[in-house]
Amino acid sequence: MTTMRYLQFLACSLWVCLLPVGTRAQSYTSWFNGDTSDVVTTPQQGVLLAGGGTDNDDAMRWMLHRASGGDVVIIRASGSNGYNDYLYSELGETVNSVQTIRFDGATAAQDAYVIQQIRNAKALFLAGGDQYDYYLYWKDTPVEDAINYLINEKHAVVGGTSAGMAVLSEAYYTPSGSGIMSPQALANPYHPSMNILGHGDFIINPLLANVITDTHYEQRSRKGRHVAFMARIANASGQRMYGIACNETVAVGIDEQGIAHVFGDAANDHAFFLQSSCRDTFLPEVLQPNQPLTWSIDSTAVWVCKIPGTAAGNHTFDLNDWETQTGGSWEYWSAHNGTLLIREAPGSNCLGNINAVEDFLIGKPIKVYPNPVRDFLRIENHSGSPIEALWLSDCFGRTLRNWEGIEQQLDLTDLHPGHYRLSYILKGNLYGQHVLKF
C-alpha cells in the first residue's frame, strides 16, 4: 500500500470509529494473550508452510524464534483461540503477545484496528479453514496490502497451515466449492472445480515466485491435481512453474537465504519440491477443456525432490537453484492421457538427467516391427499383461499420438520421415523404443 493510500485508509477508518456504537457492528472477534503494547523488535524474515493436521512443535518454535520476542498475530475466518496458549506459553519461546483475529465477515478487512494489528506483527500466521474465505475476505483489500507489507518491507516471518499455506504462494488454488480430486483434475484440467486458479495478484513473496503449494498431500492423494495446477499456470503464463507440498504434520521453514528446512517426525513426514521440465520445451502437449491432460516431455515433465522431515529441520532444499538438497531423493512425474506416472529420476541434475533418461526408457517387453517403418507399425504383446498407456512423441518430447494400448497396429502413414519414440506403460513400469519413419 502506498503511503498516500494508507493515510486515506486511516482517515476513512477514523471517521467510521467516530460513528455512534449503535450504527455499526464489529465484524471480527479477537483473543489476546500478553502485553497489549506494541514492542519494537527486529524480526527475521522467513516463511513457514505447514501441510495441515497436527501442528509440528519444532516448526512453530522456528517461526516464533524469528519473531525476536515481538508480537504474534493469527488471522483466520473460522475457529477460535486454540493457538493463543499454545504459542504464548507452551512452546518455550518468549514473545510479547499472541493475538488471534477471526474475520466474522468481509468488512473486517476494512477495520483500522485489524489492519494496524497485522502491520505491527513480528510474526503472522494464517490458520487453517477454507481458502476461498481468505480469497473472498482478503484479496484486493487492506489485509492483502498489510500481509505484503510484512513480507516485502518489514521482512517479518509469515506462515500458514492448510488453507493458510494454500494462499501464501504466488500462484494459488481457492475453489468456491469442494476442492478437486486428482482423477478429476487429470481427466479435465479445466474442470469447474478449478474455477479460481490465480497467479501473481494476491500475496507476493519473492521466496515463492512462480510457486503453487498444496497440502494434506499424500493423505488426500493430491499429486495429480498439483501437476494439473502447474500445467494450467505454466500454459497461461508461458513460464516454468514450481510447487511445494507438505504431508500432514510436516512443515517447511524457508529462511531469508532461500533455504527450506523440512520439519517432521514420522516415517511418512515428507515435503515435495516440484519444478517444470528444464528442457527448452516445457509446456503441456495436451491441455484442453474436457480432455485428459498429457504433460509428458518424454516423461520428464515435472522433476520432484521428495525430502523426509526431521525434528531439527536439517534436511534442506535450496530455492535459489532448485537443485541443491540434503536428505532427499528425486523423481519424475508426468501425465499421459489423464494418468499420472511417477518413477525414479536417474540423477540429481535436471539437464544432466536427459541422457540418462534416454537410456532408462529403452526396453523391449513387447515386439514392435517393422522398424524402420513406412506406414503401419505392428505391436505384439507377449507379456501376459495389458498395456496401460501407449503414445508416440517426437525428438523434442512432444506427444503426437495417444492410443488405448489394445491396438495391434499403429497407422503412421501421415507422419513426416524422421526419428520418433514409442513409449508405453506395462505393469506400472515405463518402457520406450526409438522408431525410424521413412
Protein backbone atom coordinates (compact mmCIF):
# COMPACT_ATOMS: atom_id res chain seq x y z
CA MET A 1 0.00 0.00 0.00
CA THR A 2 1.41 3.41 -0.89
CA THR A 3 1.81 5.99 1.91
CA MET A 4 -0.96 8.19 0.49
CA ARG A 5 -3.32 5.24 0.10
CA TYR A 6 -2.62 4.13 3.68
CA LEU A 7 -3.24 7.65 5.08
CA GLN A 8 -6.51 7.85 3.19
CA PHE A 9 -7.50 4.48 4.61
CA LEU A 10 -6.69 5.57 8.17
CA ALA A 11 -8.63 8.82 7.76
CA CYS A 12 -11.68 6.96 6.48
CA SER A 13 -11.43 4.41 9.28
CA LEU A 14 -11.16 7.18 11.93
CA TRP A 15 -14.40 8.68 10.61
CA VAL A 16 -16.07 5.26 10.96
CA CYS A 17 -14.79 4.90 14.52
CA LEU A 18 -16.47 8.21 15.48
CA LEU A 19 -19.91 6.91 14.48
CA PRO A 20 -22.26 6.06 17.35
CA VAL A 21 -21.80 2.48 18.53
CA GLY A 22 -25.36 1.58 17.62
CA THR A 23 -24.80 2.36 13.94
CA ARG A 24 -22.11 -0.29 13.30
CA ALA A 25 -21.23 -3.82 14.40
CA GLN A 26 -17.78 -5.23 14.99
CA SER A 27 -17.04 -7.68 12.18
CA TYR A 28 -14.27 -9.63 13.89
CA THR A 29 -13.58 -11.49 17.14
CA SER A 30 -10.28 -11.09 18.96
CA TRP A 31 -8.49 -13.09 21.67
CA PHE A 32 -5.33 -11.74 23.31
CA ASN A 33 -2.51 -13.15 25.46
CA GLY A 34 0.31 -10.98 26.80
CA ASP A 35 1.26 -7.32 26.62
CA THR A 36 -1.12 -5.13 24.60
CA SER A 37 1.55 -2.55 23.82
CA ASP A 38 3.44 -2.86 20.54
CA VAL A 39 7.00 -3.88 21.35
CA VAL A 40 9.76 -2.82 18.95
CA THR A 41 11.94 -5.72 17.82
CA THR A 42 13.67 -6.70 14.59
CA PRO A 43 12.16 -9.90 13.21
CA GLN A 44 13.95 -12.37 10.95
CA GLN A 45 12.48 -12.84 7.51
CA GLY A 46 11.03 -16.24 6.70
CA VAL A 47 8.09 -18.31 5.54
CA LEU A 48 6.53 -21.29 7.29
CA LEU A 49 4.42 -23.64 5.15
CA ALA A 50 2.56 -26.33 7.11
CA GLY A 51 0.65 -29.17 5.46
CA GLY A 52 -2.25 -29.33 7.92
CA GLY A 53 -3.25 -31.76 10.61
CA THR A 54 -1.48 -31.53 13.97
CA ASP A 55 0.96 -28.63 14.15
CA ASN A 56 4.64 -29.50 14.26
CA ASP A 57 6.02 -28.06 17.51
CA ASP A 58 9.58 -27.71 16.22
CA ALA A 59 8.44 -25.82 13.14
CA MET A 60 6.27 -23.49 15.21
CA ARG A 61 9.22 -22.80 17.52
CA TRP A 62 11.27 -21.95 14.42
CA MET A 63 8.65 -19.37 13.46
CA LEU A 64 8.35 -17.91 16.98
CA HIS A 65 12.11 -17.62 17.30
CA ARG A 66 12.18 -15.46 14.18
CA ALA A 67 9.67 -13.07 15.78
CA SER A 68 12.55 -11.99 18.07
CA GLY A 69 10.34 -11.66 21.14
CA GLY A 70 7.78 -9.50 19.36
CA ASP A 71 4.05 -9.71 18.75
CA VAL A 72 2.45 -12.72 17.03
CA VAL A 73 -0.85 -12.41 15.20
CA ILE A 74 -3.02 -15.26 13.93
CA ILE A 75 -5.71 -14.50 11.37
CA ARG A 76 -8.49 -16.86 10.41
CA ALA A 77 -12.10 -16.94 9.19
CA SER A 78 -13.38 -19.77 11.39
CA GLY A 79 -12.44 -21.50 14.61
CA SER A 80 -11.40 -19.97 17.90
CA ASN A 81 -8.35 -19.14 20.02
CA GLY A 82 -6.63 -22.52 20.04
CA TYR A 83 -3.28 -21.03 19.07
CA ASN A 84 -3.07 -18.43 21.85
CA ASP A 85 -1.89 -20.50 24.81
CA TYR A 86 -0.01 -22.89 22.53
CA LEU A 87 2.18 -20.17 21.01
CA TYR A 88 2.37 -17.88 24.05
CA SER A 89 3.28 -20.28 26.82
CA GLU A 90 3.53 -23.93 25.71
CA LEU A 91 6.47 -24.00 23.28
CA GLY A 92 9.15 -22.32 25.39
CA GLU A 93 9.75 -19.35 23.07
CA THR A 94 9.25 -15.92 24.65
CA VAL A 95 7.09 -13.48 22.72
CA ASN A 96 5.49 -10.19 23.77
CA SER A 97 1.95 -11.22 22.84
CA VAL A 98 -0.21 -13.61 20.83
CA GLN A 99 -3.45 -12.36 19.32
CA THR A 100 -6.00 -14.27 17.25
CA ILE A 101 -8.29 -12.25 15.00
CA ARG A 102 -11.18 -14.14 13.47
CA PHE A 103 -12.82 -12.48 10.49
CA ASP A 104 -16.57 -12.85 11.01
CA GLY A 105 -17.27 -11.17 7.68
CA ALA A 106 -15.61 -9.41 4.78
CA THR A 107 -15.95 -5.96 6.35
CA ALA A 108 -13.32 -6.82 8.96
CA ALA A 109 -10.76 -6.41 6.18
CA GLN A 110 -11.53 -2.68 6.22
CA ASP A 111 -11.24 -2.25 10.01
CA ALA A 112 -8.44 0.10 11.05
CA TYR A 113 -7.66 -1.79 14.28
CA VAL A 114 -7.40 -5.13 12.48
CA ILE A 115 -5.10 -3.71 9.82
CA GLN A 116 -2.87 -1.98 12.35
CA GLN A 117 -2.50 -5.16 14.42
CA ILE A 118 -1.44 -7.11 11.34
CA ARG A 119 1.06 -4.44 10.34
CA ASN A 120 2.51 -4.37 13.88
CA ALA A 121 3.08 -8.13 13.92
CA LYS A 122 6.57 -9.58 14.00
CA ALA A 123 5.13 -12.97 13.08
CA LEU A 124 1.86 -13.53 11.21
CA PHE A 125 0.24 -16.95 10.94
CA LEU A 126 -2.70 -17.87 8.70
CA ALA A 127 -4.69 -20.64 10.36
CA GLY A 128 -6.45 -23.45 8.54
CA GLY A 129 -10.01 -23.23 7.31
CA ASP A 130 -11.43 -22.52 3.86
CA GLN A 131 -9.05 -20.79 1.46
CA TYR A 132 -12.00 -19.42 -0.51
CA ASP A 133 -12.93 -17.36 2.57
CA TYR A 134 -9.41 -15.94 2.59
CA TYR A 135 -9.63 -15.16 -1.10
CA LEU A 136 -13.08 -13.60 -0.64
CA TYR A 137 -12.25 -11.62 2.51
CA TRP A 138 -8.66 -10.53 1.92
CA LYS A 139 -7.85 -10.26 -1.78
CA ASP A 140 -7.68 -6.64 -3.06
CA THR A 141 -8.22 -5.26 0.46
CA PRO A 142 -6.05 -3.56 3.09
CA VAL A 143 -5.42 -7.03 4.57
CA GLU A 144 -3.68 -8.08 1.35
CA ASP A 145 -1.65 -4.87 1.48
CA ALA A 146 -0.76 -5.45 5.15
CA ILE A 147 0.44 -9.02 4.52
CA ASN A 148 2.54 -7.90 1.56
CA TYR A 149 3.94 -5.06 3.70
CA LEU A 150 5.06 -7.57 6.34
CA ILE A 151 6.71 -9.76 3.72
CA ASN A 152 8.32 -7.22 1.43
CA GLU A 153 9.02 -4.16 3.58
CA LYS A 154 9.12 -5.20 7.23
CA HIS A 155 10.63 -8.60 6.41
CA ALA A 156 8.71 -10.35 9.17
CA VAL A 157 8.12 -14.09 9.31
CA VAL A 158 4.78 -15.16 7.80
CA GLY A 159 3.36 -18.66 7.94
CA GLY A 160 0.24 -20.68 7.33
CA THR A 161 -1.21 -24.15 7.66
CA SER A 162 -3.59 -25.98 5.33
CA ALA A 163 -5.76 -23.22 3.78
CA GLY A 164 -3.30 -20.67 5.13
CA MET A 165 -0.42 -22.35 3.32
CA ALA A 166 -2.51 -22.58 0.16
CA VAL A 167 -2.74 -18.80 -0.27
CA LEU A 168 0.84 -17.86 0.65
CA SER A 169 2.43 -18.77 -2.68
CA GLU A 170 2.42 -16.50 -5.73
CA ALA A 171 0.07 -18.91 -7.51
CA TYR A 172 -2.91 -20.26 -5.62
CA TYR A 173 -5.96 -22.51 -5.81
CA THR A 174 -9.04 -21.24 -3.94
CA PRO A 175 -12.12 -23.21 -5.04
CA SER A 176 -15.52 -21.70 -4.37
CA GLY A 177 -16.88 -25.19 -3.61
CA SER A 178 -15.37 -28.56 -2.82
CA GLY A 179 -11.71 -28.96 -3.74
CA ILE A 180 -10.99 -31.04 -6.81
CA MET A 181 -9.64 -34.58 -6.58
CA SER A 182 -6.63 -35.72 -8.62
CA PRO A 183 -8.54 -38.03 -11.02
CA GLN A 184 -10.95 -35.20 -11.89
CA ALA A 185 -8.14 -32.68 -12.42
CA LEU A 186 -6.17 -35.02 -14.67
CA ALA A 187 -9.26 -36.01 -16.66
CA ASN A 188 -10.23 -32.37 -17.24
CA PRO A 189 -7.74 -29.66 -16.19
CA TYR A 190 -10.48 -27.06 -16.81
CA HIS A 191 -12.99 -28.76 -14.52
CA PRO A 192 -15.50 -26.32 -12.94
CA SER A 193 -13.95 -27.05 -9.52
CA MET A 194 -10.74 -25.41 -10.79
CA ASN A 195 -12.54 -22.11 -11.35
CA ILE A 196 -10.20 -19.97 -9.23
CA LEU A 197 -6.57 -20.63 -10.08
CA GLY A 198 -4.71 -17.35 -9.67
CA HIS A 199 -1.16 -16.18 -10.24
CA GLY A 200 0.67 -13.05 -9.17
CA ASP A 201 -2.29 -10.96 -7.97
CA PHE A 202 -2.69 -11.75 -4.27
CA ILE A 203 0.12 -12.42 -1.77
CA ILE A 204 3.53 -11.70 -3.31
CA ASN A 205 6.62 -13.26 -1.75
CA PRO A 206 9.88 -13.33 -3.75
CA LEU A 207 10.80 -16.59 -1.99
CA LEU A 208 7.72 -18.21 -3.56
CA ALA A 209 7.78 -16.67 -7.03
CA ASN A 210 6.02 -18.87 -9.63
CA VAL A 211 5.26 -21.42 -6.89
CA ILE A 212 1.91 -23.07 -6.18
CA THR A 213 1.52 -25.01 -2.94
CA ASP A 214 -0.64 -27.94 -1.89
CA THR A 215 -1.37 -29.53 1.48
CA HIS A 216 -2.65 -32.76 3.09
CA TYR A 217 -0.66 -34.16 0.21
CA GLU A 218 -0.34 -37.93 0.26
CA GLN A 219 -3.13 -38.29 2.82
CA ARG A 220 -5.58 -36.93 0.21
CA SER A 221 -3.75 -38.17 -2.93
CA ARG A 222 -3.14 -34.67 -4.32
CA LYS A 223 -0.08 -35.24 -6.52
CA GLY A 224 -2.13 -35.48 -9.71
CA ARG A 225 -4.09 -32.30 -9.12
CA HIS A 226 -0.88 -30.43 -8.21
CA VAL A 227 0.59 -31.39 -11.58
CA ALA A 228 -2.62 -30.18 -13.26
CA PHE A 229 -2.38 -26.84 -11.39
CA MET A 230 1.20 -26.38 -12.58
CA ALA A 231 0.28 -27.32 -16.16
CA ARG A 232 -2.54 -24.78 -16.26
CA ILE A 233 -0.48 -21.91 -14.88
CA ALA A 234 2.63 -22.72 -16.93
CA ASN A 235 0.49 -22.75 -20.07
CA ALA A 236 -1.21 -19.46 -19.20
CA SER A 237 1.97 -17.63 -18.20
CA GLY A 238 4.49 -19.25 -20.55
CA GLN A 239 6.81 -19.64 -17.55
CA ARG A 240 8.30 -22.65 -15.82
CA MET A 241 6.28 -23.34 -12.70
CA TYR A 242 7.28 -24.68 -9.31
CA GLY A 243 5.44 -26.38 -6.47
CA ILE A 244 5.89 -27.02 -2.76
CA ALA A 245 3.72 -29.57 -0.99
CA CYS A 246 3.59 -30.96 2.53
CA ASN A 247 2.06 -34.04 4.05
CA GLU A 248 0.06 -33.57 7.22
CA THR A 249 2.16 -32.75 10.35
CA VAL A 250 5.01 -31.64 8.05
CA ALA A 251 6.19 -28.04 7.74
CA VAL A 252 8.75 -26.27 5.57
CA GLY A 253 10.52 -23.26 7.08
CA ILE A 254 12.18 -21.06 4.45
CA ASP A 255 14.80 -18.69 5.83
CA GLU A 256 15.93 -15.33 4.50
CA GLN A 257 18.60 -17.02 2.35
CA GLY A 258 16.01 -19.10 0.50
CA ILE A 259 16.94 -22.37 2.22
CA ALA A 260 13.93 -24.56 3.01
CA HIS A 261 14.14 -26.66 6.19
CA VAL A 262 11.81 -29.68 6.37
CA PHE A 263 10.34 -30.43 9.80
CA GLY A 264 8.70 -33.78 10.56
CA ASP A 265 8.82 -36.76 12.90
CA ALA A 266 7.11 -39.81 11.41
CA ALA A 267 8.11 -42.15 8.59
CA ASN A 268 5.70 -40.55 6.10
CA ASP A 269 6.57 -36.97 7.02
CA HIS A 270 7.70 -35.72 3.62
CA ALA A 271 7.77 -32.43 1.77
CA PHE A 272 7.85 -32.26 -2.04
CA PHE A 273 9.55 -29.68 -4.24
CA LEU A 274 8.28 -29.74 -7.85
CA GLN A 275 9.53 -27.95 -10.95
CA SER A 276 8.63 -27.97 -14.62
CA SER A 277 10.98 -29.68 -17.03
CA CYS A 278 14.24 -27.81 -17.57
CA ARG A 279 14.12 -28.51 -21.32
CA ASP A 280 13.50 -25.60 -23.65
CA THR A 281 10.13 -27.14 -24.47
CA PHE A 282 8.30 -27.48 -21.16
CA LEU A 283 4.60 -26.76 -21.78
CA PRO A 284 1.90 -29.47 -21.76
CA GLU A 285 1.29 -31.32 -25.00
CA VAL A 286 -2.48 -31.69 -24.48
CA LEU A 287 -4.24 -29.12 -22.29
CA GLN A 288 -7.82 -28.52 -23.41
CA PRO A 289 -11.21 -28.30 -21.70
CA ASN A 290 -12.91 -31.68 -21.29
CA GLN A 291 -9.81 -33.57 -22.46
CA PRO A 292 -7.41 -35.64 -20.32
CA LEU A 293 -4.12 -33.94 -19.54
CA THR A 294 -0.98 -35.05 -21.32
CA TRP A 295 2.15 -33.42 -19.95
CA SER A 296 4.95 -35.79 -20.79
CA ILE A 297 8.07 -34.06 -22.22
CA ASP A 298 9.44 -37.56 -22.70
CA SER A 299 8.09 -38.48 -19.24
CA THR A 300 10.21 -35.75 -17.59
CA ALA A 301 7.51 -33.05 -17.36
CA VAL A 302 7.90 -32.44 -13.61
CA TRP A 303 11.12 -33.03 -11.68
CA VAL A 304 10.42 -33.66 -7.99
CA CYS A 305 12.57 -33.82 -4.88
CA LYS A 306 10.99 -35.75 -2.01
CA ILE A 307 12.54 -34.87 1.35
CA PRO A 308 11.79 -36.50 4.72
CA GLY A 309 11.38 -34.17 7.66
CA THR A 310 13.43 -34.22 10.85
CA ALA A 311 12.85 -32.69 14.28
CA ALA A 312 15.74 -30.30 13.75
CA GLY A 313 14.77 -29.39 10.20
CA ASN A 314 18.26 -30.26 8.99
CA HIS A 315 17.12 -31.79 5.69
CA THR A 316 17.10 -28.84 3.34
CA PHE A 317 16.28 -27.68 -0.18
CA ASP A 318 17.79 -24.59 -1.83
CA LEU A 319 15.17 -22.44 -3.58
CA ASN A 320 17.90 -20.39 -5.23
CA ASP A 321 18.81 -23.13 -7.69
CA TRP A 322 16.04 -25.70 -7.06
CA GLU A 323 18.64 -28.49 -7.12
CA THR A 324 20.91 -28.39 -4.07
CA GLN A 325 19.40 -30.51 -1.28
CA THR A 326 20.21 -32.78 1.63
CA GLY A 327 18.43 -35.97 2.63
CA GLY A 328 16.07 -36.22 -0.35
CA SER A 329 15.53 -38.34 -3.46
CA TRP A 330 14.48 -37.40 -6.99
CA GLU A 331 11.53 -38.50 -9.10
CA TYR A 332 9.98 -37.69 -12.47
CA TRP A 333 6.23 -37.12 -12.63
CA SER A 334 4.30 -36.90 -15.88
CA ALA A 335 0.71 -37.14 -17.10
CA HIS A 336 -0.27 -39.37 -20.02
CA ASN A 337 -3.84 -39.12 -21.26
CA GLY A 338 -5.06 -38.37 -17.73
CA THR A 339 -2.86 -40.93 -15.95
CA LEU A 340 -0.11 -39.82 -13.56
CA LEU A 341 3.19 -41.66 -13.92
CA ILE A 342 5.81 -41.46 -11.15
CA ARG A 343 9.25 -43.01 -11.47
CA GLU A 344 12.69 -42.62 -10.02
CA ALA A 345 14.89 -39.99 -11.64
CA PRO A 346 18.30 -41.31 -12.65
CA GLY A 347 20.27 -38.33 -11.30
CA SER A 348 20.21 -35.13 -9.30
CA ASN A 349 20.93 -32.64 -12.07
CA CYS A 350 18.00 -31.61 -14.24
CA LEU A 351 19.85 -31.01 -17.50
CA GLY A 352 22.33 -33.79 -16.79
CA ASN A 353 19.49 -36.28 -16.43
CA ILE A 354 18.31 -36.09 -20.03
CA ASN A 355 20.85 -38.52 -21.50
CA ALA A 356 20.27 -40.89 -18.58
CA VAL A 357 16.55 -40.74 -19.27
CA GLU A 358 17.20 -41.79 -22.85
CA ASP A 359 18.87 -44.96 -21.58
CA PHE A 360 16.26 -45.56 -18.87
CA LEU A 361 13.40 -45.55 -21.35
CA ILE A 362 14.82 -48.20 -23.62
CA GLY A 363 13.38 -51.69 -23.10
CA LYS A 364 11.54 -54.25 -25.21
CA PRO A 365 8.97 -56.32 -23.29
CA ILE A 366 6.79 -56.09 -26.43
CA LYS A 367 7.73 -56.60 -30.05
CA VAL A 368 7.46 -53.59 -32.39
CA TYR A 369 8.04 -54.07 -36.12
CA PRO A 370 8.89 -53.23 -38.85
CA ASN A 371 11.43 -50.64 -37.74
CA PRO A 372 12.24 -48.56 -39.81
CA VAL A 373 8.58 -48.25 -40.80
CA ARG A 374 6.88 -46.73 -43.83
CA ASP A 375 3.18 -46.91 -42.90
CA PHE A 376 1.90 -49.36 -40.24
CA LEU A 377 3.81 -50.24 -37.06
CA ARG A 378 2.77 -53.61 -35.65
CA ILE A 379 2.57 -54.44 -31.94
CA GLU A 380 2.94 -57.88 -30.36
CA ASN A 381 2.46 -58.06 -26.60
CA HIS A 382 3.54 -61.44 -25.19
CA SER A 383 3.93 -60.21 -21.61
CA GLY A 384 0.58 -61.52 -20.41
CA SER A 385 -0.37 -58.11 -19.05
CA PRO A 386 -2.31 -55.32 -20.77
CA ILE A 387 -0.53 -52.20 -21.99
CA GLU A 388 -1.82 -49.42 -19.72
CA ALA A 389 -0.85 -46.46 -21.91
CA LEU A 390 0.78 -46.08 -25.33
CA TRP A 391 1.97 -42.89 -27.01
CA LEU A 392 4.30 -41.57 -29.70
CA SER A 393 6.48 -38.48 -29.21
CA ASP A 394 8.87 -36.51 -31.39
CA CYS A 395 12.54 -35.77 -30.77
CA PHE A 396 11.57 -32.78 -28.55
CA GLY A 397 9.47 -34.98 -26.27
CA ARG A 398 6.15 -33.61 -27.55
CA THR A 399 3.40 -36.22 -27.56
CA LEU A 400 1.96 -36.63 -31.05
CA ARG A 401 -0.38 -39.62 -30.68
CA ASN A 402 -2.09 -41.46 -27.82
CA TRP A 403 -3.58 -44.95 -28.10
CA GLU A 404 -5.51 -47.09 -25.63
CA GLY A 405 -2.92 -49.86 -25.71
CA ILE A 406 -5.12 -52.55 -27.25
CA GLU A 407 -4.14 -51.80 -30.85
CA GLN A 408 -2.21 -54.39 -32.82
CA GLN A 409 -1.04 -51.92 -35.44
CA LEU A 410 -0.45 -48.17 -35.46
CA ASP A 411 -1.07 -46.06 -38.54
CA LEU A 412 1.94 -43.76 -39.08
CA THR A 413 1.39 -43.07 -42.78
CA ASP A 414 0.80 -39.33 -42.38
CA LEU A 415 3.90 -38.68 -40.26
CA HIS A 416 6.91 -36.95 -41.78
CA PRO A 417 10.07 -39.05 -42.12
CA GLY A 418 12.26 -38.81 -39.03
CA HIS A 419 13.06 -40.18 -35.58
CA TYR A 420 10.29 -40.79 -33.05
CA ARG A 421 9.88 -42.58 -29.74
CA LEU A 422 7.15 -45.05 -28.89
CA SER A 423 6.57 -45.19 -25.12
CA TYR A 424 4.29 -47.45 -23.13
CA ILE A 425 3.42 -48.41 -19.55
CA LEU A 426 3.30 -52.09 -18.65
CA LYS A 427 2.76 -53.37 -15.08
CA GLY A 428 3.29 -49.82 -13.85
CA ASN A 429 6.73 -49.55 -15.49
CA LEU A 430 7.72 -47.20 -18.30
CA TYR A 431 9.37 -48.53 -21.46
CA GLY A 432 10.29 -46.98 -24.75
CA GLN A 433 11.68 -47.69 -28.18
CA HIS A 434 13.07 -45.49 -30.90
CA VAL A 435 11.17 -45.66 -34.19
CA LEU A 436 12.50 -44.51 -37.56
CA LYS A 437 9.88 -43.37 -40.08
CA PHE A 438 10.93 -43.24 -43.78
